N, C-alpha and C. Protein backbone atom coordinates (compact mmCIF):
# COMPACT_ATOMS: atom_id res chain seq x y z
N UNK A 1 0.84 -1.16 0.00
CA UNK A 1 0.00 0.00 0.00
C UNK A 1 0.90 1.23 0.00
N UNK A 2 0.59 2.17 -0.82
CA UNK A 2 1.37 3.40 -0.84
C UNK A 2 0.89 4.33 0.28
N UNK A 3 1.68 5.32 0.57
CA UNK A 3 1.35 6.26 1.63
C UNK A 3 0.06 7.01 1.32
N UNK A 4 -0.20 7.28 0.07
CA UNK A 4 -1.37 8.07 -0.31
C UNK A 4 -2.66 7.25 -0.39
N UNK A 5 -2.56 5.93 -0.44
CA UNK A 5 -3.77 5.14 -0.61
C UNK A 5 -4.53 5.01 0.70
N UNK A 6 -5.82 4.83 0.60
CA UNK A 6 -6.69 4.67 1.76
C UNK A 6 -7.05 3.20 1.90
N UNK A 7 -7.12 2.70 3.15
CA UNK A 7 -7.54 1.31 3.33
C UNK A 7 -9.00 1.14 2.93
N UNK A 8 -9.32 -0.03 2.45
CA UNK A 8 -10.69 -0.35 2.08
C UNK A 8 -11.46 -0.66 3.36
N UNK A 9 -12.37 0.21 3.77
CA UNK A 9 -13.11 0.03 5.01
C UNK A 9 -14.03 -1.17 4.97
N UNK A 10 -14.38 -1.65 3.78
CA UNK A 10 -15.29 -2.79 3.66
C UNK A 10 -14.55 -4.12 3.59
N UNK A 11 -13.23 -4.08 3.48
CA UNK A 11 -12.47 -5.32 3.38
C UNK A 11 -12.41 -6.01 4.73
N UNK A 12 -12.60 -7.34 4.72
CA UNK A 12 -12.49 -8.11 5.95
C UNK A 12 -11.03 -8.47 6.18
N UNK A 13 -10.53 -8.29 7.42
CA UNK A 13 -9.16 -8.66 7.72
C UNK A 13 -8.96 -10.16 7.50
N UNK A 14 -7.80 -10.53 7.03
CA UNK A 14 -7.48 -11.93 6.80
C UNK A 14 -6.23 -12.29 7.56
N UNK A 15 -6.02 -13.60 7.74
CA UNK A 15 -4.79 -14.04 8.36
C UNK A 15 -3.75 -14.28 7.27
N UNK A 16 -2.59 -14.80 7.63
CA UNK A 16 -1.49 -14.92 6.66
C UNK A 16 -1.82 -15.85 5.50
N UNK A 17 -2.78 -16.76 5.65
CA UNK A 17 -3.13 -17.65 4.56
C UNK A 17 -4.27 -17.10 3.70
N UNK A 18 -4.60 -15.84 3.86
CA UNK A 18 -5.65 -15.15 3.10
C UNK A 18 -7.04 -15.74 3.33
N UNK A 19 -7.22 -16.44 4.43
CA UNK A 19 -8.53 -16.94 4.82
C UNK A 19 -9.18 -15.90 5.73
N UNK A 20 -10.51 -15.85 5.77
CA UNK A 20 -11.15 -14.91 6.69
C UNK A 20 -10.66 -15.13 8.12
N UNK A 21 -10.44 -14.06 8.80
CA UNK A 21 -9.96 -14.11 10.18
C UNK A 21 -11.14 -14.45 11.09
N UNK A 22 -11.12 -15.60 11.79
CA UNK A 22 -12.27 -15.98 12.62
C UNK A 22 -12.55 -14.99 13.74
N UNK A 23 -11.51 -14.32 14.25
CA UNK A 23 -11.76 -13.33 15.30
C UNK A 23 -12.55 -12.16 14.75
N UNK A 24 -12.30 -11.77 13.51
CA UNK A 24 -13.07 -10.69 12.90
C UNK A 24 -14.52 -11.13 12.73
N UNK A 25 -14.71 -12.36 12.29
CA UNK A 25 -16.07 -12.86 12.08
C UNK A 25 -16.86 -12.82 13.37
N UNK A 26 -16.26 -13.23 14.48
CA UNK A 26 -16.94 -13.20 15.77
C UNK A 26 -17.19 -11.77 16.22
N UNK A 27 -16.17 -10.93 16.13
CA UNK A 27 -16.34 -9.57 16.62
C UNK A 27 -17.36 -8.79 15.80
N UNK A 28 -17.53 -9.15 14.55
CA UNK A 28 -18.49 -8.42 13.73
C UNK A 28 -19.94 -8.79 14.08
N UNK A 29 -20.12 -9.86 14.86
CA UNK A 29 -21.47 -10.25 15.27
C UNK A 29 -21.81 -9.79 16.68
N UNK A 30 -20.81 -9.36 17.44
CA UNK A 30 -21.04 -8.92 18.81
C UNK A 30 -21.37 -7.43 18.81
N UNK A 31 -22.49 -7.08 19.41
CA UNK A 31 -22.94 -5.68 19.43
C UNK A 31 -21.89 -4.78 20.06
N UNK A 32 -21.22 -5.27 21.11
CA UNK A 32 -20.23 -4.45 21.81
C UNK A 32 -18.98 -4.17 21.00
N UNK A 33 -18.78 -4.91 19.93
CA UNK A 33 -17.58 -4.74 19.11
C UNK A 33 -17.84 -3.98 17.82
N UNK A 34 -19.06 -3.58 17.61
CA UNK A 34 -19.41 -2.84 16.41
C UNK A 34 -19.13 -1.35 16.62
N UNK A 35 -18.79 -0.64 15.55
CA UNK A 35 -18.58 0.81 15.68
C UNK A 35 -19.86 1.51 16.16
N UNK A 36 -19.70 2.50 17.00
CA UNK A 36 -20.83 3.28 17.48
C UNK A 36 -21.00 4.47 16.54
N UNK A 37 -22.08 4.47 15.79
CA UNK A 37 -22.30 5.54 14.81
C UNK A 37 -22.45 6.90 15.47
N UNK A 38 -22.89 6.93 16.72
CA UNK A 38 -23.05 8.22 17.42
C UNK A 38 -21.71 8.90 17.67
N UNK A 39 -20.64 8.10 17.73
CA UNK A 39 -19.32 8.67 18.02
C UNK A 39 -18.44 8.75 16.78
N UNK A 40 -19.02 8.54 15.64
CA UNK A 40 -18.25 8.51 14.39
C UNK A 40 -17.40 9.76 14.18
N UNK A 41 -17.93 10.91 14.52
CA UNK A 41 -17.19 12.16 14.32
C UNK A 41 -16.89 12.85 15.66
N UNK A 42 -16.59 12.05 16.66
CA UNK A 42 -16.34 12.60 17.99
C UNK A 42 -15.16 13.57 17.99
N UNK A 43 -14.21 13.34 17.09
CA UNK A 43 -13.04 14.23 17.04
C UNK A 43 -13.39 15.63 16.53
N UNK A 44 -14.58 15.80 15.97
CA UNK A 44 -15.00 17.11 15.47
C UNK A 44 -15.92 17.82 16.45
N UNK A 45 -16.24 17.16 17.56
CA UNK A 45 -17.19 17.72 18.53
C UNK A 45 -16.49 18.63 19.53
N UNK A 46 -17.28 19.54 20.11
CA UNK A 46 -16.78 20.39 21.19
C UNK A 46 -16.70 19.54 22.46
N UNK A 47 -15.95 20.00 23.45
CA UNK A 47 -15.91 19.26 24.72
C UNK A 47 -17.30 19.05 25.32
N UNK A 48 -18.17 20.06 25.26
CA UNK A 48 -19.52 19.89 25.80
C UNK A 48 -20.28 18.82 25.03
N UNK A 49 -20.16 18.82 23.71
CA UNK A 49 -20.83 17.80 22.90
C UNK A 49 -20.30 16.40 23.23
N UNK A 50 -19.00 16.30 23.45
CA UNK A 50 -18.40 15.00 23.77
C UNK A 50 -18.92 14.47 25.10
N UNK A 51 -18.86 15.30 26.15
CA UNK A 51 -19.31 14.81 27.46
C UNK A 51 -20.81 14.57 27.49
N UNK A 52 -21.58 15.33 26.72
CA UNK A 52 -23.02 15.09 26.61
C UNK A 52 -23.26 13.74 25.94
N UNK A 53 -22.54 13.48 24.87
CA UNK A 53 -22.67 12.20 24.17
C UNK A 53 -22.27 11.05 25.08
N UNK A 54 -21.18 11.20 25.81
CA UNK A 54 -20.74 10.16 26.74
C UNK A 54 -21.82 9.89 27.78
N UNK A 55 -22.42 10.94 28.31
CA UNK A 55 -23.47 10.81 29.30
C UNK A 55 -24.69 10.09 28.71
N UNK A 56 -25.05 10.43 27.49
CA UNK A 56 -26.19 9.78 26.83
C UNK A 56 -25.91 8.29 26.60
N UNK A 57 -24.69 7.98 26.17
CA UNK A 57 -24.33 6.58 25.94
C UNK A 57 -24.30 5.80 27.26
N UNK A 58 -23.75 6.43 28.31
CA UNK A 58 -23.72 5.78 29.62
C UNK A 58 -25.13 5.50 30.14
N UNK A 59 -26.07 6.39 29.85
CA UNK A 59 -27.45 6.23 30.32
C UNK A 59 -28.10 4.98 29.74
N UNK A 60 -27.61 4.48 28.64
CA UNK A 60 -28.16 3.28 28.01
C UNK A 60 -27.79 2.01 28.76
N UNK A 61 -26.75 2.08 29.58
CA UNK A 61 -26.24 0.87 30.25
C UNK A 61 -27.27 0.28 31.21
N UNK A 62 -27.87 1.10 32.05
CA UNK A 62 -28.83 0.59 33.04
C UNK A 62 -29.98 -0.16 32.37
N UNK A 63 -30.48 0.37 31.27
CA UNK A 63 -31.57 -0.30 30.55
C UNK A 63 -31.13 -1.62 29.95
N UNK A 64 -29.92 -1.66 29.43
CA UNK A 64 -29.41 -2.90 28.84
C UNK A 64 -29.21 -3.96 29.92
N UNK A 65 -28.69 -3.55 31.06
CA UNK A 65 -28.51 -4.49 32.18
C UNK A 65 -29.88 -4.97 32.67
N UNK A 66 -30.84 -4.07 32.77
CA UNK A 66 -32.18 -4.43 33.24
C UNK A 66 -32.79 -5.54 32.38
N UNK A 67 -32.56 -5.48 31.08
CA UNK A 67 -33.10 -6.50 30.17
C UNK A 67 -32.49 -7.87 30.41
N UNK A 68 -31.32 -7.93 31.04
CA UNK A 68 -30.61 -9.19 31.25
C UNK A 68 -30.58 -9.64 32.70
N UNK A 69 -31.39 -9.03 33.57
CA UNK A 69 -31.34 -9.34 35.00
C UNK A 69 -31.57 -10.82 35.30
N UNK A 70 -32.47 -11.46 34.61
CA UNK A 70 -32.73 -12.89 34.85
C UNK A 70 -31.48 -13.72 34.56
N UNK A 71 -30.84 -13.45 33.40
CA UNK A 71 -29.64 -14.20 33.05
C UNK A 71 -28.49 -13.88 34.02
N UNK A 72 -28.39 -12.63 34.44
CA UNK A 72 -27.33 -12.24 35.38
C UNK A 72 -27.55 -12.94 36.72
N UNK A 73 -28.79 -12.97 37.19
CA UNK A 73 -29.07 -13.63 38.48
C UNK A 73 -28.78 -15.12 38.40
N UNK A 74 -29.09 -15.75 37.28
CA UNK A 74 -28.77 -17.17 37.11
C UNK A 74 -27.26 -17.40 37.14
N UNK A 75 -26.51 -16.51 36.52
CA UNK A 75 -25.06 -16.61 36.54
C UNK A 75 -24.53 -16.47 37.96
N UNK A 76 -25.07 -15.52 38.71
CA UNK A 76 -24.65 -15.31 40.11
C UNK A 76 -24.92 -16.58 40.92
N UNK A 77 -26.10 -17.15 40.76
CA UNK A 77 -26.44 -18.38 41.48
C UNK A 77 -25.48 -19.51 41.13
N UNK A 78 -25.18 -19.69 39.86
CA UNK A 78 -24.26 -20.75 39.44
C UNK A 78 -22.85 -20.53 39.97
N UNK A 79 -22.38 -19.30 39.90
CA UNK A 79 -21.04 -18.98 40.40
C UNK A 79 -20.96 -19.25 41.90
N UNK A 80 -21.96 -18.78 42.66
CA UNK A 80 -21.97 -18.99 44.11
C UNK A 80 -21.99 -20.47 44.45
N UNK A 81 -22.81 -21.25 43.75
CA UNK A 81 -22.88 -22.69 44.01
C UNK A 81 -21.53 -23.36 43.73
N UNK A 82 -20.90 -22.98 42.67
CA UNK A 82 -19.60 -23.59 42.34
C UNK A 82 -18.51 -23.17 43.32
N UNK A 83 -18.55 -21.93 43.79
CA UNK A 83 -17.58 -21.50 44.80
C UNK A 83 -17.78 -22.28 46.09
N UNK A 84 -19.04 -22.52 46.47
CA UNK A 84 -19.32 -23.30 47.68
C UNK A 84 -18.79 -24.73 47.56
N UNK A 85 -18.75 -25.27 46.34
CA UNK A 85 -18.24 -26.63 46.12
C UNK A 85 -16.73 -26.66 45.91
N UNK A 86 -16.08 -25.53 46.13
CA UNK A 86 -14.62 -25.48 45.99
C UNK A 86 -14.13 -24.99 44.64
N UNK A 87 -15.04 -24.54 43.82
CA UNK A 87 -14.66 -24.04 42.50
C UNK A 87 -14.02 -22.66 42.58
N UNK A 88 -13.65 -22.15 41.42
CA UNK A 88 -13.00 -20.84 41.33
C UNK A 88 -13.77 -19.95 40.37
N UNK A 89 -13.61 -18.66 40.58
CA UNK A 89 -14.13 -17.65 39.65
C UNK A 89 -12.92 -17.10 38.92
N UNK A 90 -12.91 -17.25 37.60
CA UNK A 90 -11.77 -16.83 36.80
C UNK A 90 -12.19 -15.63 35.96
N UNK A 91 -11.46 -14.55 36.12
CA UNK A 91 -11.70 -13.34 35.34
C UNK A 91 -10.83 -13.38 34.09
N UNK A 92 -11.40 -12.97 32.96
CA UNK A 92 -10.63 -12.87 31.73
C UNK A 92 -10.99 -11.56 31.05
N UNK A 93 -10.02 -10.96 30.42
CA UNK A 93 -10.30 -9.73 29.70
C UNK A 93 -9.02 -9.19 29.09
N UNK A 94 -9.17 -8.27 28.20
CA UNK A 94 -8.03 -7.62 27.56
C UNK A 94 -8.25 -6.11 27.64
N UNK A 95 -7.16 -5.39 27.65
CA UNK A 95 -7.26 -3.94 27.68
C UNK A 95 -7.92 -3.46 28.94
N UNK A 96 -8.81 -2.50 28.81
CA UNK A 96 -9.48 -1.91 29.97
C UNK A 96 -10.30 -2.95 30.72
N UNK A 97 -11.02 -3.81 30.02
CA UNK A 97 -11.84 -4.81 30.72
C UNK A 97 -10.96 -5.76 31.52
N UNK A 98 -9.79 -6.07 31.03
CA UNK A 98 -8.86 -6.93 31.77
C UNK A 98 -8.37 -6.25 33.04
N UNK A 99 -8.01 -4.98 32.91
CA UNK A 99 -7.55 -4.23 34.09
C UNK A 99 -8.66 -4.08 35.12
N UNK A 100 -9.88 -3.83 34.68
CA UNK A 100 -11.00 -3.73 35.61
C UNK A 100 -11.29 -5.07 36.27
N UNK A 101 -11.12 -6.15 35.53
CA UNK A 101 -11.29 -7.49 36.10
C UNK A 101 -10.29 -7.75 37.21
N UNK A 102 -9.05 -7.32 37.01
CA UNK A 102 -8.02 -7.49 38.04
C UNK A 102 -8.41 -6.69 39.29
N UNK A 103 -8.85 -5.47 39.11
CA UNK A 103 -9.27 -4.66 40.26
C UNK A 103 -10.45 -5.30 40.99
N UNK A 104 -11.43 -5.78 40.25
CA UNK A 104 -12.59 -6.40 40.86
C UNK A 104 -12.20 -7.68 41.59
N UNK A 105 -11.35 -8.49 40.96
CA UNK A 105 -10.91 -9.74 41.57
C UNK A 105 -10.14 -9.48 42.86
N UNK A 106 -9.39 -8.39 42.90
CA UNK A 106 -8.63 -8.05 44.11
C UNK A 106 -9.57 -7.72 45.27
N UNK A 107 -10.77 -7.26 44.97
CA UNK A 107 -11.74 -6.94 46.01
C UNK A 107 -12.47 -8.16 46.56
N UNK A 108 -12.54 -9.23 45.80
CA UNK A 108 -13.31 -10.40 46.22
C UNK A 108 -12.89 -10.94 47.59
N UNK A 109 -11.61 -11.19 47.84
CA UNK A 109 -11.25 -11.72 49.16
C UNK A 109 -11.56 -10.75 50.30
N UNK A 110 -11.55 -9.47 50.01
CA UNK A 110 -11.79 -8.48 51.06
C UNK A 110 -13.26 -8.37 51.45
N UNK A 111 -14.16 -8.56 50.48
CA UNK A 111 -15.57 -8.27 50.73
C UNK A 111 -16.51 -9.45 50.54
N UNK A 112 -16.17 -10.33 49.68
CA UNK A 112 -17.13 -11.38 49.33
C UNK A 112 -16.71 -12.79 49.72
N UNK A 113 -15.48 -13.11 49.49
CA UNK A 113 -15.02 -14.48 49.64
C UNK A 113 -13.84 -14.50 50.60
N UNK A 114 -13.96 -15.21 51.67
CA UNK A 114 -12.86 -15.28 52.65
C UNK A 114 -11.97 -16.49 52.37
N UNK A 115 -11.77 -16.79 51.11
CA UNK A 115 -10.96 -17.94 50.72
C UNK A 115 -9.83 -17.47 49.80
N UNK A 116 -8.73 -16.96 50.33
CA UNK A 116 -7.67 -16.39 49.47
C UNK A 116 -6.99 -17.40 48.56
N UNK A 117 -7.15 -18.71 48.83
CA UNK A 117 -6.51 -19.71 47.97
C UNK A 117 -7.28 -19.99 46.69
N UNK A 118 -8.42 -19.35 46.50
CA UNK A 118 -9.20 -19.59 45.27
C UNK A 118 -9.14 -18.42 44.36
């Protein structure tokens, strides 16, 4: 690619064998991995517009969580049952979610689980 050429935004990333990249295929189906059209031109917004947009996007979180409360409660019940049977809770993540997972996991022995060996 020359310096002046633009990447094809519609091209799917491939691996070294020119086959479709399975990670791209998965991420393109996950809502959380799709581009947010509301922030498409965030670099052109004023600071007030940016923080207003951030606030509006954050406000959507509570509603999204509310829609999944049944599934979340089932997960909590399963995790608690497995911890009682000697199981472990394993956090996984990359980037910011990974760092937040580490912080949250560090709090577990202090507030929730008095079993530092798990």
